Every structure is written in C-alpha cells, then in structure tokens.
Amino acid sequence: MHHQDSQRHMTALDLDRATPLLRRAYDYWTAKCGTRPMPARADLDPAEIKPLLSNLILMDVLRDAKPGWPLDFRYRLVGTNVDAMMNGRYTGLCMSEMPHQQPGSRIWSSLERVTATRQPHINRVPYVGPHKDFISVVDMVMPLSNDGGEVNMLFCIVDFVLRARLA
C-alpha cells in the first residue's frame, strides 16, 4: 500500500493531532494492512516495533462474553511505560470491571468507535494518574481482524504529553 493510499483511513486533521510516536505506529499499521482494510494480530512483529512496545496496549474485543455485556474490552498486553503511568495494573482486566472505563467513558467510546467503524481513531484526554508532569494522554486506536471483517483486537499506542511541551 502506498503512503498516500493510507490517507483513506484518516483525515489530515486527525494526523495533525498525532504525536511522532503515534504517527510511527500508524505508519506501521498501514504498512501491515497491505490490500486489506486492517491487519491481523499475527501480522504484528514485536521485533519490528521495539521502540513502540513500552507504549503499546493490545485489547481483546469481546462480544457477548458476559450476560448484559454485548461488547467488552480486555487488556491483553500493557506496555511497561503505560503500566507505570496508570493508577493500577490493567493486564487481564475487562473494562466492564472498572466503573471509570465502562460505557459512556471517553476510552470506551473510542474503542467502541474503532470496533464499529473499523477505522483508526486519535483521542486526547486529560491525564489522570500518579505523575503530575503530564497534562494529557494522546492515544491512537487501530483495529485488527483475523478475518479481515470483524474487529477482534485493538492495537493502541499511548503517548503522554508533558506540561512543558505545551508552553
């Protein structure tokens, strides 16, 4: 896939909001798409994205896994940098188990949007965590699919924006 073809996934405005880290992840995801609308988890090679791994989150998309939850998301893998910046350990947890991440929250809405549209999405939210040097979190959520149709996993890159960067 040629780089300009990748623009079908995002508008210039969205790309302008991407930090260099997010842009690098997006370029990798786009390259892995090939002629498909989205790559599969098996297409991702950790050796090819070593600089991204500490800021990576892989989310399982769960459908009808629990009564009353037609959709849910489970933290399959949380990079070390992300894990260190959060208010808890999320690996293995479902968002349905965390009141602040259930339907109606910004993070849920972002994941739900990418799952439904099968298109990447950038989200910027205020940083809420143990480190006061950060003002916001910018993340990019990109869909993955084993069958090229239904999203079964989300490839997320999270970047933490320092207060000093905005000055």
Foldseek 3Di string as FASTA:
>chain_A
DDPVVLCVQDPVVQVVPDDPLQVVVSVVQSVQCVPFLGAAPVSDDCVVPVVQQQQKWKKFWDAPPDPPPRTKIATCDHHNNRCVFAAHDRHGHILVVPVCRDPPHPNVVQVVVCQVVQGKGKDKDARDGDDPQFGIKIKIWHFHDPVSPGGGMIIMGIDTHGPVVVD
